[in-house]
All heavy atoms as atom14 arrays in JSON, in Angstrom:
{
  "sequence": "VAHITNGSDQGNAISLLRGLNCTHNMLILQESCTDASGSVVVYSPIDL",
  "atom14_mask": [
    [1, 1, 1, 1, 1, 1, 1, 0, 0, 0, 0, 0, 0, 0],
    [1, 1, 1, 1, 1, 0, 0, 0, 0, 0, 0, 0, 0, 0],
    [1, 1, 1, 1, 1, 1, 1, 1, 1, 1, 0, 0, 0, 0],
    [1, 1, 1, 1, 1, 1, 1, 1, 0, 0, 0, 0, 0, 0],
    [1, 1, 1, 1, 1, 1, 1, 0, 0, 0, 0, 0, 0, 0],
    [1, 1, 1, 1, 1, 1, 1, 1, 0, 0, 0, 0, 0, 0],
    [1, 1, 1, 1, 0, 0, 0, 0, 0, 0, 0, 0, 0, 0],
    [1, 1, 1, 1, 1, 1, 0, 0, 0, 0, 0, 0, 0, 0],
    [1, 1, 1, 1, 1, 1, 1, 1, 0, 0, 0, 0, 0, 0],
    [1, 1, 1, 1, 1, 1, 1, 1, 1, 0, 0, 0, 0, 0],
    [1, 1, 1, 1, 0, 0, 0, 0, 0, 0, 0, 0, 0, 0],
    [1, 1, 1, 1, 1, 1, 1, 1, 0, 0, 0, 0, 0, 0],
    [1, 1, 1, 1, 1, 0, 0, 0, 0, 0, 0, 0, 0, 0],
    [1, 1, 1, 1, 1, 1, 1, 1, 0, 0, 0, 0, 0, 0],
    [1, 1, 1, 1, 1, 1, 0, 0, 0, 0, 0, 0, 0, 0],
    [1, 1, 1, 1, 1, 1, 1, 1, 0, 0, 0, 0, 0, 0],
    [1, 1, 1, 1, 1, 1, 1, 1, 0, 0, 0, 0, 0, 0],
    [1, 1, 1, 1, 1, 1, 1, 1, 1, 1, 1, 0, 0, 0],
    [1, 1, 1, 1, 0, 0, 0, 0, 0, 0, 0, 0, 0, 0],
    [1, 1, 1, 1, 1, 1, 1, 1, 0, 0, 0, 0, 0, 0],
    [1, 1, 1, 1, 1, 1, 1, 1, 0, 0, 0, 0, 0, 0],
    [1, 1, 1, 1, 1, 1, 0, 0, 0, 0, 0, 0, 0, 0],
    [1, 1, 1, 1, 1, 1, 1, 0, 0, 0, 0, 0, 0, 0],
    [1, 1, 1, 1, 1, 1, 1, 1, 1, 1, 0, 0, 0, 0],
    [1, 1, 1, 1, 1, 1, 1, 1, 0, 0, 0, 0, 0, 0],
    [1, 1, 1, 1, 1, 1, 1, 1, 0, 0, 0, 0, 0, 0],
    [1, 1, 1, 1, 1, 1, 1, 1, 0, 0, 0, 0, 0, 0],
    [1, 1, 1, 1, 1, 1, 1, 1, 0, 0, 0, 0, 0, 0],
    [1, 1, 1, 1, 1, 1, 1, 1, 0, 0, 0, 0, 0, 0],
    [1, 1, 1, 1, 1, 1, 1, 1, 1, 0, 0, 0, 0, 0],
    [1, 1, 1, 1, 1, 1, 1, 1, 1, 0, 0, 0, 0, 0],
    [1, 1, 1, 1, 1, 1, 0, 0, 0, 0, 0, 0, 0, 0],
    [1, 1, 1, 1, 1, 1, 0, 0, 0, 0, 0, 0, 0, 0],
    [1, 1, 1, 1, 1, 1, 1, 0, 0, 0, 0, 0, 0, 0],
    [1, 1, 1, 1, 1, 1, 1, 1, 0, 0, 0, 0, 0, 0],
    [1, 1, 1, 1, 1, 0, 0, 0, 0, 0, 0, 0, 0, 0],
    [1, 1, 1, 1, 1, 1, 0, 0, 0, 0, 0, 0, 0, 0],
    [1, 1, 1, 1, 0, 0, 0, 0, 0, 0, 0, 0, 0, 0],
    [1, 1, 1, 1, 1, 1, 0, 0, 0, 0, 0, 0, 0, 0],
    [1, 1, 1, 1, 1, 1, 1, 0, 0, 0, 0, 0, 0, 0],
    [1, 1, 1, 1, 1, 1, 1, 0, 0, 0, 0, 0, 0, 0],
    [1, 1, 1, 1, 1, 1, 1, 0, 0, 0, 0, 0, 0, 0],
    [1, 1, 1, 1, 1, 1, 1, 1, 1, 1, 1, 1, 0, 0],
    [1, 1, 1, 1, 1, 1, 0, 0, 0, 0, 0, 0, 0, 0],
    [1, 1, 1, 1, 1, 1, 1, 0, 0, 0, 0, 0, 0, 0],
    [1, 1, 1, 1, 1, 1, 1, 1, 0, 0, 0, 0, 0, 0],
    [1, 1, 1, 1, 1, 1, 1, 1, 0, 0, 0, 0, 0, 0],
    [1, 1, 1, 1, 1, 1, 1, 1, 0, 0, 0, 0, 0, 0]
  ],
  "atom14_positions": [
    [[120.11, 115.97, 94.11], [121.21, 116.53, 94.88], [122.5, 116.54, 94.09], [123.29, 117.48, 94.14], [121.41, 115.71, 96.19], [122.56, 116.24, 97.0], [120.12, 115.71, 97.0], [0.0, 0.0, 0.0], [0.0, 0.0, 0.0], [0.0, 0.0, 0.0], [0.0, 0.0, 0.0], [0.0, 0.0, 0.0], [0.0, 0.0, 0.0], [0.0, 0.0, 0.0]],
    [[122.75, 115.47, 93.34], [123.98, 115.36, 92.53], [123.62, 114.71, 91.21], [122.68, 113.91, 91.11], [125.06, 114.58, 93.26], [0.0, 0.0, 0.0], [0.0, 0.0, 0.0], [0.0, 0.0, 0.0], [0.0, 0.0, 0.0], [0.0, 0.0, 0.0], [0.0, 0.0, 0.0], [0.0, 0.0, 0.0], [0.0, 0.0, 0.0], [0.0, 0.0, 0.0]],
    [[124.39, 115.06, 90.19], [124.14, 114.52, 88.85], [125.48, 114.4, 88.12], [126.24, 115.38, 88.04], [123.2, 115.43, 88.08], [122.9, 114.95, 86.68], [121.91, 114.05, 86.4], [123.5, 115.27, 85.49], [121.89, 113.83, 85.08], [122.84, 114.54, 84.52], [0.0, 0.0, 0.0], [0.0, 0.0, 0.0], [0.0, 0.0, 0.0], [0.0, 0.0, 0.0]],
    [[125.78, 113.21, 87.63], [127.02, 112.97, 86.88], [126.64, 112.41, 85.53], [126.03, 111.35, 85.42], [127.93, 111.96, 87.63], [128.31, 112.51, 89.01], [129.19, 111.67, 86.81], [129.1, 111.53, 89.85], [0.0, 0.0, 0.0], [0.0, 0.0, 0.0], [0.0, 0.0, 0.0], [0.0, 0.0, 0.0], [0.0, 0.0, 0.0], [0.0, 0.0, 0.0]],
    [[127.03, 113.1, 84.48], [126.8, 112.64, 83.12], [127.93, 111.72, 82.72], [129.11, 112.09, 82.83], [126.69, 113.83, 82.15], [125.65, 114.69, 82.58], [126.39, 113.33, 80.75], [0.0, 0.0, 0.0], [0.0, 0.0, 0.0], [0.0, 0.0, 0.0], [0.0, 0.0, 0.0], [0.0, 0.0, 0.0], [0.0, 0.0, 0.0], [0.0, 0.0, 0.0]],
    [[127.61, 110.55, 82.24], [128.66, 109.58, 81.9], [128.53, 109.05, 80.49], [128.75, 107.88, 80.23], [128.67, 108.42, 82.9], [127.32, 107.72, 82.99], [126.43, 107.97, 82.18], [127.17, 106.85, 83.96], [0.0, 0.0, 0.0], [0.0, 0.0, 0.0], [0.0, 0.0, 0.0], [0.0, 0.0, 0.0], [0.0, 0.0, 0.0], [0.0, 0.0, 0.0]],
    [[128.15, 109.93, 79.55], [128.06, 109.53, 78.15], [127.6, 110.69, 77.29], [127.18, 111.74, 77.79], [0.0, 0.0, 0.0], [0.0, 0.0, 0.0], [0.0, 0.0, 0.0], [0.0, 0.0, 0.0], [0.0, 0.0, 0.0], [0.0, 0.0, 0.0], [0.0, 0.0, 0.0], [0.0, 0.0, 0.0], [0.0, 0.0, 0.0], [0.0, 0.0, 0.0]],
    [[127.69, 110.49, 75.98], [127.28, 111.54, 75.06], [125.78, 111.78, 75.08], [125.3, 112.89, 74.85], [127.73, 111.2, 73.63], [127.19, 109.92, 73.24], [0.0, 0.0, 0.0], [0.0, 0.0, 0.0], [0.0, 0.0, 0.0], [0.0, 0.0, 0.0], [0.0, 0.0, 0.0], [0.0, 0.0, 0.0], [0.0, 0.0, 0.0], [0.0, 0.0, 0.0]],
    [[125.01, 110.7, 75.38], [123.56, 110.83, 75.5], [123.22, 111.35, 76.89], [123.73, 110.85, 77.89], [122.89, 109.48, 75.24], [121.39, 109.6, 75.05], [120.71, 110.1, 75.97], [120.87, 109.19, 73.99], [0.0, 0.0, 0.0], [0.0, 0.0, 0.0], [0.0, 0.0, 0.0], [0.0, 0.0, 0.0], [0.0, 0.0, 0.0], [0.0, 0.0, 0.0]],
    [[122.34, 112.33, 76.98], [121.97, 112.88, 78.27], [121.28, 111.86, 79.15], [121.21, 112.04, 80.37], [121.08, 114.12, 78.07], [121.78, 115.28, 77.42], [120.9, 116.52, 77.32], [119.74, 116.49, 77.74], [121.45, 117.6, 76.79], [0.0, 0.0, 0.0], [0.0, 0.0, 0.0], [0.0, 0.0, 0.0], [0.0, 0.0, 0.0], [0.0, 0.0, 0.0]],
    [[120.73, 110.82, 78.55], [120.08, 109.79, 79.34], [121.03, 108.92, 80.13], [120.61, 108.23, 81.07], [0.0, 0.0, 0.0], [0.0, 0.0, 0.0], [0.0, 0.0, 0.0], [0.0, 0.0, 0.0], [0.0, 0.0, 0.0], [0.0, 0.0, 0.0], [0.0, 0.0, 0.0], [0.0, 0.0, 0.0], [0.0, 0.0, 0.0], [0.0, 0.0, 0.0]],
    [[122.33, 108.93, 79.77], [123.32, 108.14, 80.5], [123.85, 109.0, 81.65], [124.71, 109.87, 81.45], [124.45, 107.72, 79.58], [124.01, 106.74, 78.53], [123.2, 105.86, 78.78], [124.49, 106.91, 77.3], [0.0, 0.0, 0.0], [0.0, 0.0, 0.0], [0.0, 0.0, 0.0], [0.0, 0.0, 0.0], [0.0, 0.0, 0.0], [0.0, 0.0, 0.0]],
    [[123.35, 108.78, 82.84], [123.69, 109.65, 83.96], [123.48, 108.91, 85.27], [122.76, 107.92, 85.36], [122.83, 110.91, 83.93], [0.0, 0.0, 0.0], [0.0, 0.0, 0.0], [0.0, 0.0, 0.0], [0.0, 0.0, 0.0], [0.0, 0.0, 0.0], [0.0, 0.0, 0.0], [0.0, 0.0, 0.0], [0.0, 0.0, 0.0], [0.0, 0.0, 0.0]],
    [[124.15, 109.43, 86.31], [124.01, 108.95, 87.68], [123.47, 110.11, 88.51], [123.99, 111.23, 88.43], [125.35, 108.46, 88.24], [125.92, 107.35, 87.35], [125.23, 108.01, 89.67], [127.33, 106.95, 87.71], [0.0, 0.0, 0.0], [0.0, 0.0, 0.0], [0.0, 0.0, 0.0], [0.0, 0.0, 0.0], [0.0, 0.0, 0.0], [0.0, 0.0, 0.0]],
    [[122.43, 109.83, 89.29], [121.8, 110.89, 90.07], [121.69, 110.45, 91.53], [121.54, 109.25, 91.83], [120.41, 111.21, 89.53], [120.46, 111.6, 88.18], [0.0, 0.0, 0.0], [0.0, 0.0, 0.0], [0.0, 0.0, 0.0], [0.0, 0.0, 0.0], [0.0, 0.0, 0.0], [0.0, 0.0, 0.0], [0.0, 0.0, 0.0], [0.0, 0.0, 0.0]],
    [[121.74, 111.43, 92.41], [121.5, 111.24, 93.83], [120.27, 112.06, 94.18], [120.26, 113.29, 94.03], [122.71, 111.68, 94.67], [122.65, 111.38, 96.15], [122.56, 109.87, 96.39], [123.86, 111.96, 96.88], [0.0, 0.0, 0.0], [0.0, 0.0, 0.0], [0.0, 0.0, 0.0], [0.0, 0.0, 0.0], [0.0, 0.0, 0.0], [0.0, 0.0, 0.0]],
    [[119.2, 111.37, 94.64], [117.92, 112.0, 94.87], [117.59, 112.01, 96.36], [117.93, 111.1, 97.1], [116.82, 111.24, 94.1], [117.1, 110.97, 92.62], [115.97, 110.14, 92.02], [117.27, 112.27, 91.85], [0.0, 0.0, 0.0], [0.0, 0.0, 0.0], [0.0, 0.0, 0.0], [0.0, 0.0, 0.0], [0.0, 0.0, 0.0], [0.0, 0.0, 0.0]],
    [[116.85, 113.09, 96.74], [116.44, 113.24, 98.13], [115.0, 113.72, 98.17], [114.61, 114.62, 97.41], [117.36, 114.23, 98.86], [116.97, 114.49, 100.33], [117.95, 115.47, 100.96], [117.97, 116.74, 100.24], [118.86, 117.69, 100.42], [119.86, 117.49, 101.27], [118.81, 118.82, 99.75], [0.0, 0.0, 0.0], [0.0, 0.0, 0.0], [0.0, 0.0, 0.0]],
    [[114.19, 113.15, 99.07], [112.81, 113.58, 99.21], [112.73, 114.93, 99.9], [113.41, 115.21, 100.9], [0.0, 0.0, 0.0], [0.0, 0.0, 0.0], [0.0, 0.0, 0.0], [0.0, 0.0, 0.0], [0.0, 0.0, 0.0], [0.0, 0.0, 0.0], [0.0, 0.0, 0.0], [0.0, 0.0, 0.0], [0.0, 0.0, 0.0], [0.0, 0.0, 0.0]],
    [[111.85, 115.8, 99.39], [111.74, 117.15, 99.94], [111.06, 117.16, 101.3], [111.41, 117.97, 102.17], [110.97, 118.04, 98.95], [111.67, 118.34, 97.62], [110.79, 119.17, 96.71], [113.0, 119.08, 97.87], [0.0, 0.0, 0.0], [0.0, 0.0, 0.0], [0.0, 0.0, 0.0], [0.0, 0.0, 0.0], [0.0, 0.0, 0.0], [0.0, 0.0, 0.0]],
    [[110.07, 116.3, 101.48], [109.28, 116.33, 102.71], [109.52, 115.11, 103.59], [108.68, 114.73, 104.39], [107.78, 116.43, 102.36], [107.46, 117.66, 101.56], [108.01, 118.74, 101.79], [106.57, 117.52, 100.57], [0.0, 0.0, 0.0], [0.0, 0.0, 0.0], [0.0, 0.0, 0.0], [0.0, 0.0, 0.0], [0.0, 0.0, 0.0], [0.0, 0.0, 0.0]],
    [[110.7, 114.46, 103.4], [110.99, 113.24, 104.16], [111.8, 113.59, 105.41], [112.7, 114.43, 105.36], [111.79, 112.24, 103.31], [110.84, 111.62, 101.89], [0.0, 0.0, 0.0], [0.0, 0.0, 0.0], [0.0, 0.0, 0.0], [0.0, 0.0, 0.0], [0.0, 0.0, 0.0], [0.0, 0.0, 0.0], [0.0, 0.0, 0.0], [0.0, 0.0, 0.0]],
    [[111.49, 112.93, 106.51], [112.19, 113.17, 107.76], [113.33, 112.17, 107.99], [114.22, 112.42, 108.79], [111.22, 113.08, 108.95], [110.57, 111.82, 108.94], [110.16, 114.19, 108.84], [0.0, 0.0, 0.0], [0.0, 0.0, 0.0], [0.0, 0.0, 0.0], [0.0, 0.0, 0.0], [0.0, 0.0, 0.0], [0.0, 0.0, 0.0], [0.0, 0.0, 0.0]],
    [[113.26, 111.0, 107.3], [114.29, 109.98, 107.52], [115.52, 110.3, 106.67], [115.45, 111.03, 105.67], [113.76, 108.59, 107.19], [113.16, 108.49, 105.82], [113.92, 108.36, 104.69], [111.85, 108.5, 105.43], [113.11, 108.29, 103.63], [111.85, 108.38, 104.07], [0.0, 0.0, 0.0], [0.0, 0.0, 0.0], [0.0, 0.0, 0.0], [0.0, 0.0, 0.0]],
    [[116.64, 109.74, 107.1], [117.91, 110.02, 106.44], [118.18, 109.02, 105.33], [119.16, 108.3, 105.36], [119.05, 110.0, 107.47], [118.9, 111.07, 108.51], [118.45, 112.18, 108.21], [119.31, 110.77, 109.74], [0.0, 0.0, 0.0], [0.0, 0.0, 0.0], [0.0, 0.0, 0.0], [0.0, 0.0, 0.0], [0.0, 0.0, 0.0], [0.0, 0.0, 0.0]],
    [[117.31, 108.95, 104.35], [117.48, 108.03, 103.23], [117.54, 108.8, 101.93], [116.79, 109.77, 101.71], [116.33, 107.03, 103.16], [116.31, 106.02, 104.29], [117.79, 104.97, 104.35], [117.58, 104.04, 102.84], [0.0, 0.0, 0.0], [0.0, 0.0, 0.0], [0.0, 0.0, 0.0], [0.0, 0.0, 0.0], [0.0, 0.0, 0.0], [0.0, 0.0, 0.0]],
    [[118.47, 108.39, 101.08], [118.63, 108.96, 99.74], [118.39, 107.84, 98.73], [118.3, 106.66, 99.07], [120.01, 109.55, 99.58], [120.42, 110.64, 100.56], [121.89, 111.0, 100.4], [119.56, 111.9, 100.38], [0.0, 0.0, 0.0], [0.0, 0.0, 0.0], [0.0, 0.0, 0.0], [0.0, 0.0, 0.0], [0.0, 0.0, 0.0], [0.0, 0.0, 0.0]],
    [[118.31, 108.23, 97.45], [118.14, 107.26, 96.36], [119.26, 107.47, 95.36], [119.43, 108.58, 94.83], [116.78, 107.42, 95.69], [115.65, 107.1, 96.66], [116.68, 106.51, 94.46], [114.26, 107.31, 96.07], [0.0, 0.0, 0.0], [0.0, 0.0, 0.0], [0.0, 0.0, 0.0], [0.0, 0.0, 0.0], [0.0, 0.0, 0.0], [0.0, 0.0, 0.0]],
    [[120.03, 106.42, 95.13], [121.06, 106.44, 94.09], [120.46, 105.82, 92.83], [119.93, 104.71, 92.85], [122.28, 105.63, 94.54], [123.44, 105.55, 93.53], [124.04, 106.92, 93.3], [124.51, 104.56, 94.04], [0.0, 0.0, 0.0], [0.0, 0.0, 0.0], [0.0, 0.0, 0.0], [0.0, 0.0, 0.0], [0.0, 0.0, 0.0], [0.0, 0.0, 0.0]],
    [[120.54, 106.55, 91.73], [119.92, 106.11, 90.48], [120.9, 106.23, 89.33], [121.63, 107.22, 89.24], [118.67, 106.94, 90.18], [118.02, 106.64, 88.82], [116.77, 107.47, 88.58], [115.79, 107.35, 89.3], [116.82, 108.3, 87.54], [0.0, 0.0, 0.0], [0.0, 0.0, 0.0], [0.0, 0.0, 0.0], [0.0, 0.0, 0.0], [0.0, 0.0, 0.0]],
    [[120.91, 105.22, 88.47], [121.66, 105.31, 87.22], [120.75, 104.93, 86.09], [120.02, 103.94, 86.15], [122.9, 104.4, 87.22], [123.62, 104.42, 85.88], [125.06, 103.94, 85.93], [125.53, 103.58, 87.02], [125.7, 103.91, 84.86], [0.0, 0.0, 0.0], [0.0, 0.0, 0.0], [0.0, 0.0, 0.0], [0.0, 0.0, 0.0], [0.0, 0.0, 0.0]],
    [[120.82, 105.73, 85.03], [120.05, 105.47, 83.81], [121.02, 105.24, 82.66], [122.0, 106.0, 82.52], [119.09, 106.62, 83.5], [119.79, 107.85, 83.41], [0.0, 0.0, 0.0], [0.0, 0.0, 0.0], [0.0, 0.0, 0.0], [0.0, 0.0, 0.0], [0.0, 0.0, 0.0], [0.0, 0.0, 0.0], [0.0, 0.0, 0.0], [0.0, 0.0, 0.0]],
    [[120.78, 104.21, 81.87], [121.64, 103.87, 80.74], [120.75, 103.66, 79.52], [119.68, 103.04, 79.61], [122.42, 102.58, 81.0], [123.06, 102.38, 82.66], [0.0, 0.0, 0.0], [0.0, 0.0, 0.0], [0.0, 0.0, 0.0], [0.0, 0.0, 0.0], [0.0, 0.0, 0.0], [0.0, 0.0, 0.0], [0.0, 0.0, 0.0], [0.0, 0.0, 0.0]],
    [[121.21, 104.12, 78.37], [120.45, 103.92, 77.15], [121.39, 103.86, 75.95], [122.42, 104.53, 75.91], [119.4, 105.04, 76.94], [118.58, 104.74, 75.81], [120.08, 106.4, 76.75], [0.0, 0.0, 0.0], [0.0, 0.0, 0.0], [0.0, 0.0, 0.0], [0.0, 0.0, 0.0], [0.0, 0.0, 0.0], [0.0, 0.0, 0.0], [0.0, 0.0, 0.0]],
    [[121.04, 103.01, 75.01], [121.71, 102.95, 73.72], [120.71, 102.4, 72.72], [119.52, 102.24, 73.04], [122.99, 102.09, 73.77], [122.75, 100.69, 74.32], [121.8, 100.02, 73.85], [123.49, 100.26, 75.22], [0.0, 0.0, 0.0], [0.0, 0.0, 0.0], [0.0, 0.0, 0.0], [0.0, 0.0, 0.0], [0.0, 0.0, 0.0], [0.0, 0.0, 0.0]],
    [[121.17, 102.11, 71.52], [120.24, 101.69, 70.46], [119.59, 100.36, 70.74], [118.52, 100.05, 70.19], [120.98, 101.62, 69.12], [0.0, 0.0, 0.0], [0.0, 0.0, 0.0], [0.0, 0.0, 0.0], [0.0, 0.0, 0.0], [0.0, 0.0, 0.0], [0.0, 0.0, 0.0], [0.0, 0.0, 0.0], [0.0, 0.0, 0.0], [0.0, 0.0, 0.0]],
    [[120.16, 99.53, 71.62], [119.61, 98.2, 71.88], [118.63, 98.17, 73.02], [117.88, 97.2, 73.16], [120.76, 97.22, 72.18], [121.44, 97.58, 73.36], [0.0, 0.0, 0.0], [0.0, 0.0, 0.0], [0.0, 0.0, 0.0], [0.0, 0.0, 0.0], [0.0, 0.0, 0.0], [0.0, 0.0, 0.0], [0.0, 0.0, 0.0], [0.0, 0.0, 0.0]],
    [[118.61, 99.19, 73.88], [117.68, 99.19, 75.0], [118.09, 100.21, 76.06], [119.11, 100.88, 75.94], [0.0, 0.0, 0.0], [0.0, 0.0, 0.0], [0.0, 0.0, 0.0], [0.0, 0.0, 0.0], [0.0, 0.0, 0.0], [0.0, 0.0, 0.0], [0.0, 0.0, 0.0], [0.0, 0.0, 0.0], [0.0, 0.0, 0.0], [0.0, 0.0, 0.0]],
    [[117.26, 100.28, 77.1], [117.47, 101.25, 78.17], [117.26, 100.58, 79.51], [116.48, 99.61, 79.63], [116.53, 102.45, 78.02], [116.63, 103.02, 76.72], [0.0, 0.0, 0.0], [0.0, 0.0, 0.0], [0.0, 0.0, 0.0], [0.0, 0.0, 0.0], [0.0, 0.0, 0.0], [0.0, 0.0, 0.0], [0.0, 0.0, 0.0], [0.0, 0.0, 0.0]],
    [[117.93, 101.12, 80.53], [117.83, 100.61, 81.89], [117.76, 101.77, 82.85], [118.49, 102.75, 82.7], [119.04, 99.71, 82.24], [118.99, 99.26, 83.69], [119.09, 98.49, 81.33], [0.0, 0.0, 0.0], [0.0, 0.0, 0.0], [0.0, 0.0, 0.0], [0.0, 0.0, 0.0], [0.0, 0.0, 0.0], [0.0, 0.0, 0.0], [0.0, 0.0, 0.0]],
    [[116.88, 101.68, 83.84], [116.81, 102.64, 84.94], [116.89, 101.82, 86.23], [116.02, 100.99, 86.51], [115.52, 103.46, 84.92], [115.47, 104.41, 86.12], [115.42, 104.27, 83.63], [0.0, 0.0, 0.0], [0.0, 0.0, 0.0], [0.0, 0.0, 0.0], [0.0, 0.0, 0.0], [0.0, 0.0, 0.0], [0.0, 0.0, 0.0], [0.0, 0.0, 0.0]],
    [[117.96, 102.03, 87.0], [118.21, 101.25, 88.22], [118.35, 102.22, 89.39], [118.98, 103.28, 89.27], [119.49, 100.4, 88.09], [119.63, 99.45, 89.29], [119.47, 99.6, 86.8], [0.0, 0.0, 0.0], [0.0, 0.0, 0.0], [0.0, 0.0, 0.0], [0.0, 0.0, 0.0], [0.0, 0.0, 0.0], [0.0, 0.0, 0.0], [0.0, 0.0, 0.0]],
    [[117.78, 101.85, 90.51], [117.88, 102.71, 91.7], [117.96, 101.83, 92.94], [117.56, 100.66, 92.95], [116.69, 103.65, 91.8], [115.35, 102.97, 91.87], [114.78, 102.63, 93.08], [114.65, 102.67, 90.7], [113.55, 101.99, 93.15], [113.43, 102.03, 90.76], [112.88, 101.69, 91.98], [111.66, 101.06, 92.05], [0.0, 0.0, 0.0], [0.0, 0.0, 0.0]],
    [[118.47, 102.42, 94.03], [118.59, 101.71, 95.3], [118.59, 102.74, 96.41], [119.24, 103.79, 96.31], [119.87, 100.88, 95.34], [120.04, 100.32, 96.62], [0.0, 0.0, 0.0], [0.0, 0.0, 0.0], [0.0, 0.0, 0.0], [0.0, 0.0, 0.0], [0.0, 0.0, 0.0], [0.0, 0.0, 0.0], [0.0, 0.0, 0.0], [0.0, 0.0, 0.0]],
    [[117.87, 102.47, 97.5], [117.97, 103.36, 98.67], [119.33, 103.24, 99.32], [119.95, 102.17, 99.34], [116.86, 102.85, 99.58], [116.62, 101.43, 99.18], [116.92, 101.37, 97.72], [0.0, 0.0, 0.0], [0.0, 0.0, 0.0], [0.0, 0.0, 0.0], [0.0, 0.0, 0.0], [0.0, 0.0, 0.0], [0.0, 0.0, 0.0], [0.0, 0.0, 0.0]],
    [[119.8, 104.32, 99.87], [121.1, 104.35, 100.54], [121.02, 105.35, 101.68], [120.46, 106.45, 101.5], [122.22, 104.7, 99.53], [123.58, 104.65, 100.22], [121.98, 106.04, 98.86], [124.75, 104.76, 99.25], [0.0, 0.0, 0.0], [0.0, 0.0, 0.0], [0.0, 0.0, 0.0], [0.0, 0.0, 0.0], [0.0, 0.0, 0.0], [0.0, 0.0, 0.0]],
    [[121.52, 104.99, 102.84], [121.4, 105.88, 103.99], [122.43, 106.98, 103.94], [123.42, 106.92, 103.2], [121.48, 105.1, 105.3], [122.76, 104.29, 105.42], [123.8, 104.74, 104.89], [122.73, 103.2, 106.02], [0.0, 0.0, 0.0], [0.0, 0.0, 0.0], [0.0, 0.0, 0.0], [0.0, 0.0, 0.0], [0.0, 0.0, 0.0], [0.0, 0.0, 0.0]],
    [[122.19, 107.98, 104.76], [123.05, 109.18, 104.74], [124.48, 108.9, 105.19], [125.42, 109.41, 104.58], [122.4, 110.27, 105.6], [123.0, 111.67, 105.49], [122.96, 112.17, 104.04], [122.28, 112.64, 106.41], [0.0, 0.0, 0.0], [0.0, 0.0, 0.0], [0.0, 0.0, 0.0], [0.0, 0.0, 0.0], [0.0, 0.0, 0.0], [0.0, 0.0, 0.0]]
  ]
}
Protein backbone atom coordinates (compact mmCIF):
# COMPACT_ATOMS: atom_id res chain seq x y z
CA VAL A 1 0.00 0.00 0.00
CA ALA A 2 2.82 2.41 0.87
CA HIS A 3 6.57 2.37 0.46
CA ILE A 4 9.15 4.81 1.85
CA THR A 5 12.79 4.50 0.83
CA ASN A 6 15.08 5.61 3.64
CA GLY A 7 18.59 5.00 2.30
CA SER A 8 20.79 4.70 -0.75
CA ASP A 9 20.30 0.92 -0.76
CA GLN A 10 16.90 -0.14 -2.06
CA GLY A 11 16.74 -2.71 0.72
CA ASN A 12 16.44 0.08 3.32
CA ALA A 13 12.73 0.79 3.18
CA ILE A 14 9.47 0.95 5.13
CA SER A 15 6.41 -0.75 3.68
CA LEU A 16 2.74 -0.95 4.55
CA LEU A 17 1.22 -4.26 3.42
CA ARG A 18 -2.37 -5.40 3.06
CA GLY A 19 -3.80 -8.84 2.33
CA LEU A 20 -5.72 -9.06 -0.95
CA ASN A 21 -8.27 -11.63 0.20
CA CYS A 22 -8.49 -10.68 3.88
CA THR A 23 -11.76 -9.52 5.42
CA HIS A 24 -10.34 -8.21 8.72
CA ASN A 25 -9.04 -4.69 9.11
CA MET A 26 -5.40 -5.59 9.77
CA LEU A 27 -2.33 -4.26 8.00
CA ILE A 28 1.37 -5.13 8.31
CA LEU A 29 4.02 -2.49 8.95
CA GLN A 30 7.43 -3.69 7.79
CA GLU A 31 10.90 -2.17 7.82
CA SER A 32 13.93 -3.72 6.18
CA CYS A 33 17.48 -2.56 6.96
CA THR A 34 20.75 -3.71 5.45
CA ASP A 35 24.40 -2.71 5.47
CA ALA A 36 27.75 -4.44 5.21
CA SER A 37 27.51 -5.85 8.75
CA GLY A 38 24.09 -7.50 8.47
CA SER A 39 20.42 -7.21 7.60
CA VAL A 40 17.15 -7.01 9.51
CA VAL A 41 13.53 -7.53 8.45
CA VAL A 42 11.00 -6.47 11.11
CA TYR A 43 7.22 -6.44 10.88
CA SER A 44 4.22 -5.98 13.13
CA PRO A 45 0.45 -6.20 12.62
CA ILE A 46 -1.38 -2.92 13.03
CA ASP A 47 -5.11 -2.27 12.84
CA LEU A 48 -6.75 0.11 10.42
